[in-house]
Amino acid sequence: EPAVSDPDANVWLILPLAAQDEMIGALILKARRGAGYSDKDRELLRFVSAQVATAIERGQLKANLLRAAQYDELTNLPNRRLFLDRLHTALARSARRNRRMALLFIDIDDFKRVNDTLGHAAGDSLLQFIARSLEGSVRKADTVARLGGDEFVIILEAIHGSQDAQAITEKVRNALHEGTVINGQALSIQASIGTAIYPEDGSDAESLLKHADGGMYREKSRTLP
């Protein structure tokens, strides 16, 4: 605190910012010593602090609602809605820069068995592990999304060709094959993966998704007993 003997020292007024009986911050005002605050000033400042707290709370609520609309709650990956938005953006960027990009469609083999034998909580833990494994297999600029269930997609921008997509595909397979331990049981994951390259396999989102999805199903049919 400033010394009382210093007439030029600053004084501080701190007003709590509370929303629904929860402290979310503080409004801090600085004034020259001797300026003082009247009761009317304090009443006005309390009103301002309440309005600031309400604005912050509404901003946080809006941000939470926006995130819930765009991200998968379980894995924190972009959901289908945000994925499609990013896919259209990536396609436009690739066309503008005359660059290739790839789309990987990933379906986890025999995932239902995990839910049936170990329970849905174990299945959820496995999906979270898969999400982190996929994120760890790509660059930060790439997009990993969960479409729903045990289906995931990856958008790879600015690649040189199919060999880059194939390298990431193998990296994904290896990361999943390393597996994890859930409820004391070691699980090694296999996945069926279809790939589509822009512009060779399609120039729009629908055709790329259809090509990658078809490739995934063809691979899965070869692994089914």
C-alpha atoms as a PDB file:
ATOM      1  CA  GLU A   1       0.000   0.000   0.000  1.00  0.00           C
ATOM      2  CA  PRO A   2       1.245   3.601  -0.587  1.00  0.00           C
ATOM      3  CA  ALA A   3       2.626   5.518   2.341  1.00  0.00           C
ATOM      4  CA  VAL A   4       0.182   7.901   4.000  1.00  0.00           C
ATOM      5  CA  SER A   5       2.817  10.646   4.069  1.00  0.00           C
ATOM      6  CA  ASP A   6       3.024  10.635   0.256  1.00  0.00           C
ATOM      7  CA  PRO A   7       0.289  12.969  -1.074  1.00  0.00           C
ATOM      8  CA  ASP A   8       0.876  11.801  -4.654  1.00  0.00           C
ATOM      9  CA  ALA A   9       0.454   8.094  -3.936  1.00  0.00           C
ATOM     10  CA  ASN A  10      -2.262   6.175  -5.781  1.00  0.00           C
ATOM     11  CA  VAL A  11      -5.216   4.549  -4.067  1.00  0.00           C
ATOM     12  CA  TRP A  12      -7.099   1.533  -5.345  1.00  0.00           C
ATOM     13  CA  LEU A  13     -10.756   0.573  -5.248  1.00  0.00           C
ATOM     14  CA  ILE A  14     -11.490  -3.102  -5.849  1.00  0.00           C
ATOM     15  CA  LEU A  15     -15.002  -4.252  -6.690  1.00  0.00           C
ATOM     16  CA  PRO A  16     -15.758  -7.983  -6.988  1.00  0.00           C
ATOM     17  CA  LEU A  17     -17.347  -9.302 -10.160  1.00  0.00           C
ATOM     18  CA  ALA A  18     -19.863 -11.971  -9.191  1.00  0.00           C
ATOM     19  CA  ALA A  19     -22.224 -14.019 -11.329  1.00  0.00           C
ATOM     20  CA  GLN A  20     -24.734 -16.394  -9.743  1.00  0.00           C
ATOM     21  CA  ASP A  21     -22.964 -16.072  -6.376  1.00  0.00           C
ATOM     22  CA  GLU A  22     -19.641 -17.079  -7.947  1.00  0.00           C
ATOM     23  CA  MET A  23     -16.577 -14.827  -8.141  1.00  0.00           C
ATOM     24  CA  ILE A  24     -15.399 -14.490 -11.747  1.00  0.00           C
ATOM     25  CA  GLY A  25     -12.994 -11.567 -11.331  1.00  0.00           C
ATOM     26  CA  ALA A  26     -12.607  -8.068  -9.989  1.00  0.00           C
ATOM     27  CA  LEU A  27     -12.946  -4.506 -11.254  1.00  0.00           C
ATOM     28  CA  ILE A  28      -9.930  -2.485 -10.113  1.00  0.00           C
ATOM     29  CA  LEU A  29      -9.920   1.330 -10.217  1.00  0.00           C
ATOM     30  CA  LYS A  30      -6.990   3.636  -9.537  1.00  0.00           C
ATOM     31  CA  ALA A  31      -7.327   7.188  -8.251  1.00  0.00           C
ATOM     32  CA  ARG A  32      -5.045   9.814  -6.832  1.00  0.00           C
ATOM     33  CA  ARG A  33      -4.978   9.971  -3.057  1.00  0.00           C
ATOM     34  CA  GLY A  34      -7.508  12.434  -1.785  1.00  0.00           C
ATOM     35  CA  ALA A  35      -9.819  12.088  -4.783  1.00  0.00           C
ATOM     36  CA  GLY A  36     -12.170   9.870  -2.802  1.00  0.00           C
ATOM     37  CA  TYR A  37     -15.440   8.223  -3.810  1.00  0.00           C
ATOM     38  CA  SER A  38     -18.836   9.450  -2.687  1.00  0.00           C
ATOM     39  CA  ASP A  39     -21.693   7.092  -1.836  1.00  0.00           C
ATOM     40  CA  LYS A  40     -23.238   7.930  -5.221  1.00  0.00           C
ATOM     41  CA  ASP A  41     -19.929   7.095  -6.921  1.00  0.00           C
ATOM     42  CA  ARG A  42     -19.751   3.754  -5.149  1.00  0.00           C
ATOM     43  CA  GLU A  43     -23.355   2.947  -6.006  1.00  0.00           C
ATOM     44  CA  LEU A  44     -22.647   3.689  -9.679  1.00  0.00           C
ATOM     45  CA  LEU A  45     -19.496   1.585  -9.611  1.00  0.00           C
ATOM     46  CA  ARG A  46     -21.360  -1.330  -8.042  1.00  0.00           C
ATOM     47  CA  PHE A  47     -23.914  -1.077 -10.850  1.00  0.00           C
ATOM     48  CA  VAL A  48     -21.128  -1.007 -13.462  1.00  0.00           C
ATOM     49  CA  SER A  49     -19.397  -4.013 -11.882  1.00  0.00           C
ATOM     50  CA  ALA A  50     -22.680  -5.955 -11.957  1.00  0.00           C
ATOM     51  CA  GLN A  51     -23.145  -5.123 -15.656  1.00  0.00           C
ATOM     52  CA  VAL A  52     -19.561  -6.146 -16.455  1.00  0.00           C
ATOM     53  CA  ALA A  53     -20.051  -9.446 -14.615  1.00  0.00           C
ATOM     54  CA  THR A  54     -23.265 -10.113 -16.547  1.00  0.00           C
ATOM     55  CA  ALA A  55     -21.539  -9.355 -19.862  1.00  0.00           C
ATOM     56  CA  ILE A  56     -18.676 -11.703 -19.017  1.00  0.00           C
ATOM     57  CA  GLU A  57     -21.091 -14.444 -17.974  1.00  0.00           C
ATOM     58  CA  ARG A  58     -23.075 -14.092 -21.206  1.00  0.00           C
ATOM     59  CA  GLY A  59     -19.861 -14.167 -23.228  1.00  0.00           C
ATOM     60  CA  GLN A  60     -18.754 -17.346 -21.490  1.00  0.00           C
ATOM     61  CA  LEU A  61     -22.168 -18.934 -22.035  1.00  0.00           C
ATOM     62  CA  LYS A  62     -22.089 -18.019 -25.732  1.00  0.00           C
ATOM     63  CA  ALA A  63     -18.589 -19.486 -26.071  1.00  0.00           C
ATOM     64  CA  ASN A  64     -19.684 -22.689 -24.333  1.00  0.00           C
ATOM     65  CA  LEU A  65     -22.756 -23.026 -26.560  1.00  0.00           C
ATOM     66  CA  LEU A  66     -20.664 -22.413 -29.674  1.00  0.00           C
ATOM     67  CA  ARG A  67     -18.137 -25.051 -28.630  1.00  0.00           C
ATOM     68  CA  ALA A  68     -20.912 -27.559 -27.865  1.00  0.00           C
ATOM     69  CA  ALA A  69     -22.302 -26.994 -31.360  1.00  0.00           C
ATOM     70  CA  GLN A  70     -18.941 -27.556 -33.035  1.00  0.00           C
ATOM     71  CA  TYR A  71     -17.061 -30.127 -30.946  1.00  0.00           C
ATOM     72  CA  ASP A  72     -17.701 -33.699 -29.898  1.00  0.00           C
ATOM     73  CA  GLU A  73     -18.292 -33.786 -26.157  1.00  0.00           C
ATOM     74  CA  LEU A  74     -16.540 -37.114 -25.561  1.00  0.00           C
ATOM     75  CA  THR A  75     -13.334 -36.661 -27.559  1.00  0.00           C
ATOM     76  CA  ASN A  76     -13.137 -32.846 -27.858  1.00  0.00           C
ATOM     77  CA  LEU A  77     -12.580 -33.320 -31.590  1.00  0.00           C
ATOM     78  CA  PRO A  78     -14.450 -31.250 -34.187  1.00  0.00           C
ATOM     79  CA  ASN A  79     -17.850 -32.795 -34.875  1.00  0.00           C
ATOM     80  CA  ARG A  80     -19.462 -33.424 -38.269  1.00  0.00           C
ATOM     81  CA  ARG A  81     -20.719 -29.848 -38.561  1.00  0.00           C
ATOM     82  CA  LEU A  82     -17.327 -28.245 -37.954  1.00  0.00           C
ATOM     83  CA  PHE A  83     -15.568 -30.904 -40.043  1.00  0.00           C
ATOM     84  CA  LEU A  84     -17.712 -30.089 -43.093  1.00  0.00           C
ATOM     85  CA  ASP A  85     -17.027 -26.389 -42.616  1.00  0.00           C
ATOM     86  CA  ARG A  86     -13.276 -27.018 -42.439  1.00  0.00           C
ATOM     87  CA  LEU A  87     -13.410 -29.374 -45.425  1.00  0.00           C
ATOM     88  CA  HIS A  88     -15.051 -26.729 -47.614  1.00  0.00           C
ATOM     89  CA  THR A  89     -12.496 -24.166 -46.412  1.00  0.00           C
ATOM     90  CA  ALA A  90      -9.602 -26.548 -47.105  1.00  0.00           C
ATOM     91  CA  LEU A  91     -10.937 -27.273 -50.593  1.00  0.00           C
ATOM     92  CA  ALA A  92     -11.244 -23.585 -51.394  1.00  0.00           C
ATOM     93  CA  ARG A  93      -7.727 -22.942 -50.105  1.00  0.00           C
ATOM     94  CA  SER A  94      -6.298 -25.885 -52.063  1.00  0.00           C
ATOM     95  CA  ALA A  95      -7.985 -24.714 -55.267  1.00  0.00           C
ATOM     96  CA  ARG A  96      -6.761 -21.157 -54.788  1.00  0.00           C
ATOM     97  CA  ARG A  97      -3.162 -22.270 -54.149  1.00  0.00           C
ATOM     98  CA  ASN A  98      -3.250 -25.107 -56.684  1.00  0.00           C
ATOM     99  CA  ARG A  99      -2.224 -27.657 -54.037  1.00  0.00           C
ATOM    100  CA  ARG A 100      -3.236 -31.215 -53.332  1.00  0.00           C
ATOM    101  CA  MET A 101      -4.999 -32.301 -50.163  1.00  0.00           C
ATOM    102  CA  ALA A 102      -6.200 -35.625 -48.800  1.00  0.00           C
ATOM    103  CA  LEU A 103      -9.162 -36.937 -46.867  1.00  0.00           C
ATOM    104  CA  LEU A 104      -8.837 -40.068 -44.694  1.00  0.00           C
ATOM    105  CA  PHE A 105     -11.995 -41.895 -43.617  1.00  0.00           C
ATOM    106  CA  ILE A 106     -11.352 -44.158 -40.601  1.00  0.00           C
ATOM    107  CA  ASP A 107     -13.628 -46.817 -39.143  1.00  0.00           C
ATOM    108  CA  ILE A 108     -12.548 -48.849 -36.105  1.00  0.00           C
ATOM    109  CA  ASP A 109     -12.788 -52.603 -36.701  1.00  0.00           C
ATOM    110  CA  ASP A 110     -14.814 -54.679 -34.255  1.00  0.00           C
ATOM    111  CA  PHE A 111     -15.472 -51.746 -31.935  1.00  0.00           C
ATOM    112  CA  LYS A 112     -18.852 -53.136 -30.917  1.00  0.00           C
ATOM    113  CA  ARG A 113     -17.129 -56.059 -29.238  1.00  0.00           C
ATOM    114  CA  VAL A 114     -15.403 -53.694 -26.796  1.00  0.00           C
ATOM    115  CA  ASN A 115     -18.735 -52.194 -25.757  1.00  0.00           C
ATOM    116  CA  ASP A 116     -20.325 -55.636 -25.468  1.00  0.00           C
ATOM    117  CA  THR A 117     -17.541 -57.247 -23.423  1.00  0.00           C
ATOM    118  CA  LEU A 118     -16.076 -54.361 -21.390  1.00  0.00           C
ATOM    119  CA  GLY A 119     -19.014 -51.944 -21.215  1.00  0.00           C
ATOM    120  CA  HIS A 120     -19.788 -48.549 -22.674  1.00  0.00           C
ATOM    121  CA  ALA A 121     -17.481 -46.713 -20.270  1.00  0.00           C
ATOM    122  CA  ALA A 122     -14.571 -48.741 -21.615  1.00  0.00           C
ATOM    123  CA  GLY A 123     -15.755 -48.003 -25.141  1.00  0.00           C
ATOM    124  CA  ASP A 124     -15.751 -44.288 -24.353  1.00  0.00           C
ATOM    125  CA  SER A 125     -12.203 -44.524 -22.969  1.00  0.00           C
ATOM    126  CA  LEU A 126     -11.125 -46.320 -26.116  1.00  0.00           C
ATOM    127  CA  LEU A 127     -12.636 -43.618 -28.324  1.00  0.00           C
ATOM    128  CA  GLN A 128     -10.756 -40.977 -26.331  1.00  0.00           C
ATOM    129  CA  PHE A 129      -7.508 -42.921 -26.790  1.00  0.00           C
ATOM    130  CA  ILE A 130      -8.168 -43.211 -30.528  1.00  0.00           C
ATOM    131  CA  ALA A 131      -8.816 -39.464 -30.781  1.00  0.00           C
ATOM    132  CA  ARG A 132      -5.491 -38.634 -29.110  1.00  0.00           C
ATOM    133  CA  SER A 133      -3.663 -41.214 -31.254  1.00  0.00           C
ATOM    134  CA  LEU A 134      -5.040 -39.693 -34.447  1.00  0.00           C
ATOM    135  CA  GLU A 135      -4.142 -36.169 -33.328  1.00  0.00           C
ATOM    136  CA  GLY A 136      -0.617 -37.343 -32.515  1.00  0.00           C
ATOM    137  CA  SER A 137      -0.222 -38.785 -36.012  1.00  0.00           C
ATOM    138  CA  VAL A 138      -0.783 -35.546 -37.941  1.00  0.00           C
ATOM    139  CA  ARG A 139       0.437 -31.960 -38.027  1.00  0.00           C
ATOM    140  CA  LYS A 140      -1.198 -29.313 -35.853  1.00  0.00           C
ATOM    141  CA  ALA A 141      -2.534 -27.619 -38.993  1.00  0.00           C
ATOM    142  CA  ASP A 142      -4.409 -30.776 -40.028  1.00  0.00           C
ATOM    143  CA  THR A 143      -7.944 -31.554 -38.871  1.00  0.00           C
ATOM    144  CA  VAL A 144      -9.006 -34.698 -37.008  1.00  0.00           C
ATOM    145  CA  ALA A 145     -12.773 -35.005 -36.503  1.00  0.00           C
ATOM    146  CA  ARG A 146     -15.256 -37.532 -35.174  1.00  0.00           C
ATOM    147  CA  LEU A 147     -18.262 -38.041 -37.407  1.00  0.00           C
ATOM    148  CA  GLY A 148     -20.043 -40.186 -34.836  1.00  0.00           C
ATOM    149  CA  GLY A 149     -19.824 -43.665 -33.342  1.00  0.00           C
ATOM    150  CA  ASP A 150     -16.430 -45.143 -34.243  1.00  0.00           C
ATOM    151  CA  GLU A 151     -16.000 -43.145 -37.455  1.00  0.00           C
ATOM    152  CA  PHE A 152     -13.256 -40.528 -37.733  1.00  0.00           C
ATOM    153  CA  VAL A 153     -11.904 -38.374 -40.560  1.00  0.00           C
ATOM    154  CA  ILE A 154      -8.645 -36.541 -41.166  1.00  0.00           C
ATOM    155  CA  ILE A 155      -8.065 -33.583 -43.493  1.00  0.00           C
ATOM    156  CA  LEU A 156      -4.476 -33.303 -44.737  1.00  0.00           C
ATOM    157  CA  GLU A 157      -3.709 -30.038 -46.507  1.00  0.00           C
ATOM    158  CA  ALA A 158      -0.736 -29.068 -48.677  1.00  0.00           C
ATOM    159  CA  ILE A 159       0.481 -32.574 -49.503  1.00  0.00           C
ATOM    160  CA  HIS A 160       2.655 -33.525 -52.475  1.00  0.00           C
ATOM    161  CA  GLY A 161       0.628 -36.547 -53.502  1.00  0.00           C
ATOM    162  CA  SER A 162      -0.814 -39.910 -52.526  1.00  0.00           C
ATOM    163  CA  GLN A 163       2.499 -41.001 -50.997  1.00  0.00           C
ATOM    164  CA  ASP A 164       2.090 -38.398 -48.234  1.00  0.00           C
ATOM    165  CA  ALA A 165      -1.422 -39.634 -47.471  1.00  0.00           C
ATOM    166  CA  GLN A 166      -0.186 -43.226 -47.444  1.00  0.00           C
ATOM    167  CA  ALA A 167       2.588 -42.317 -45.003  1.00  0.00           C
ATOM    168  CA  ILE A 168       0.063 -40.767 -42.600  1.00  0.00           C
ATOM    169  CA  THR A 169      -2.220 -43.784 -43.030  1.00  0.00           C
ATOM    170  CA  GLU A 170       0.566 -46.118 -41.940  1.00  0.00           C
ATOM    171  CA  LYS A 171       1.437 -43.814 -39.055  1.00  0.00           C
ATOM    172  CA  VAL A 172      -2.180 -43.938 -37.901  1.00  0.00           C
ATOM    173  CA  ARG A 173      -2.278 -47.741 -38.182  1.00  0.00           C
ATOM    174  CA  ASN A 174       0.902 -48.106 -36.133  1.00  0.00           C
ATOM    175  CA  ALA A 175      -0.296 -45.695 -33.435  1.00  0.00           C
ATOM    176  CA  LEU A 176      -3.581 -47.568 -33.061  1.00  0.00           C
ATOM    177  CA  HIS A 177      -1.904 -50.971 -33.179  1.00  0.00           C
ATOM    178  CA  GLU A 178       0.272 -50.026 -30.190  1.00  0.00           C
ATOM    179  CA  GLY A 179      -2.992 -49.950 -28.297  1.00  0.00           C
ATOM    180  CA  THR A 180      -3.799 -49.132 -24.713  1.00  0.00           C
ATOM    181  CA  VAL A 181      -4.879 -50.809 -21.482  1.00  0.00           C
ATOM    182  CA  ILE A 182      -8.493 -50.412 -20.345  1.00  0.00           C
ATOM    183  CA  ASN A 183      -9.890 -52.121 -17.250  1.00  0.00           C
ATOM    184  CA  GLY A 184      -6.695 -54.133 -17.032  1.00  0.00           C
ATOM    185  CA  GLN A 185      -7.057 -55.493 -20.550  1.00  0.00           C
ATOM    186  CA  ALA A 186      -4.617 -54.659 -23.336  1.00  0.00           C
ATOM    187  CA  LEU A 187      -6.398 -53.567 -26.491  1.00  0.00           C
ATOM    188  CA  SER A 188      -4.744 -53.368 -29.910  1.00  0.00           C
ATOM    189  CA  ILE A 189      -6.869 -51.463 -32.390  1.00  0.00           C
ATOM    190  CA  GLN A 190      -7.289 -52.228 -36.065  1.00  0.00           C
ATOM    191  CA  ALA A 191      -8.910 -49.745 -38.429  1.00  0.00           C
ATOM    192  CA  SER A 192     -10.209 -49.722 -41.978  1.00  0.00           C
ATOM    193  CA  ILE A 193      -9.034 -46.560 -43.739  1.00  0.00           C
ATOM    194  CA  GLY A 194     -10.145 -45.110 -47.063  1.00  0.00           C
ATOM    195  CA  THR A 195      -8.287 -42.268 -48.758  1.00  0.00           C
ATOM    196  CA  ALA A 196      -9.308 -39.600 -51.275  1.00  0.00           C
ATOM    197  CA  ILE A 197      -6.885 -37.162 -52.940  1.00  0.00           C
ATOM    198  CA  TYR A 198      -7.886 -33.740 -54.236  1.00  0.00           C
ATOM    199  CA  PRO A 199      -8.228 -33.162 -57.155  1.00  0.00           C
ATOM    200  CA  GLU A 200      -7.599 -36.649 -58.564  1.00  0.00           C
ATOM    201  CA  ASP A 201     -10.457 -38.341 -56.647  1.00  0.00           C
ATOM    202  CA  GLY A 202     -12.861 -35.427 -56.582  1.00  0.00           C
ATOM    203  CA  SER A 203     -13.033 -31.650 -56.566  1.00  0.00           C
ATOM    204  CA  ASP A 204     -15.835 -31.167 -54.039  1.00  0.00           C
ATOM    205  CA  ALA A 205     -16.619 -32.325 -50.514  1.00  0.00           C
ATOM    206  CA  GLU A 206     -19.314 -34.810 -51.511  1.00  0.00           C
ATOM    207  CA  SER A 207     -17.204 -36.635 -54.093  1.00  0.00           C
ATOM    208  CA  LEU A 208     -14.152 -36.798 -51.818  1.00  0.00           C
ATOM    209  CA  LEU A 209     -16.215 -38.166 -48.932  1.00  0.00           C
ATOM    210  CA  LYS A 210     -17.858 -40.723 -51.198  1.00  0.00           C
ATOM    211  CA  HIS A 211     -14.499 -41.890 -52.560  1.00  0.00           C
ATOM    212  CA  ALA A 212     -12.855 -42.146 -49.126  1.00  0.00           C
ATOM    213  CA  ASP A 213     -15.913 -43.845 -47.629  1.00  0.00           C
ATOM    214  CA  GLY A 214     -15.966 -46.365 -50.477  1.00  0.00           C
ATOM    215  CA  GLY A 215     -12.298 -47.133 -49.989  1.00  0.00           C
ATOM    216  CA  MET A 216     -12.869 -47.706 -46.282  1.00  0.00           C
ATOM    217  CA  TYR A 217     -15.721 -50.150 -46.929  1.00  0.00           C
ATOM    218  CA  ARG A 218     -13.724 -52.049 -49.540  1.00  0.00           C
ATOM    219  CA  GLU A 219     -10.894 -52.474 -47.059  1.00  0.00           C
ATOM    220  CA  LYS A 220     -13.284 -53.532 -44.289  1.00  0.00           C
ATOM    221  CA  SER A 221     -14.917 -56.141 -46.535  1.00  0.00           C
ATOM    222  CA  ARG A 222     -11.524 -57.755 -47.094  1.00  0.00           C
ATOM    223  CA  THR A 223     -10.918 -58.069 -43.335  1.00  0.00           C
ATOM    224  CA  LEU A 224     -14.344 -59.463 -42.417  1.00  0.00           C
ATOM    225  CA  PRO A 225     -14.459 -63.233 -41.848  1.00  0.00           C
END
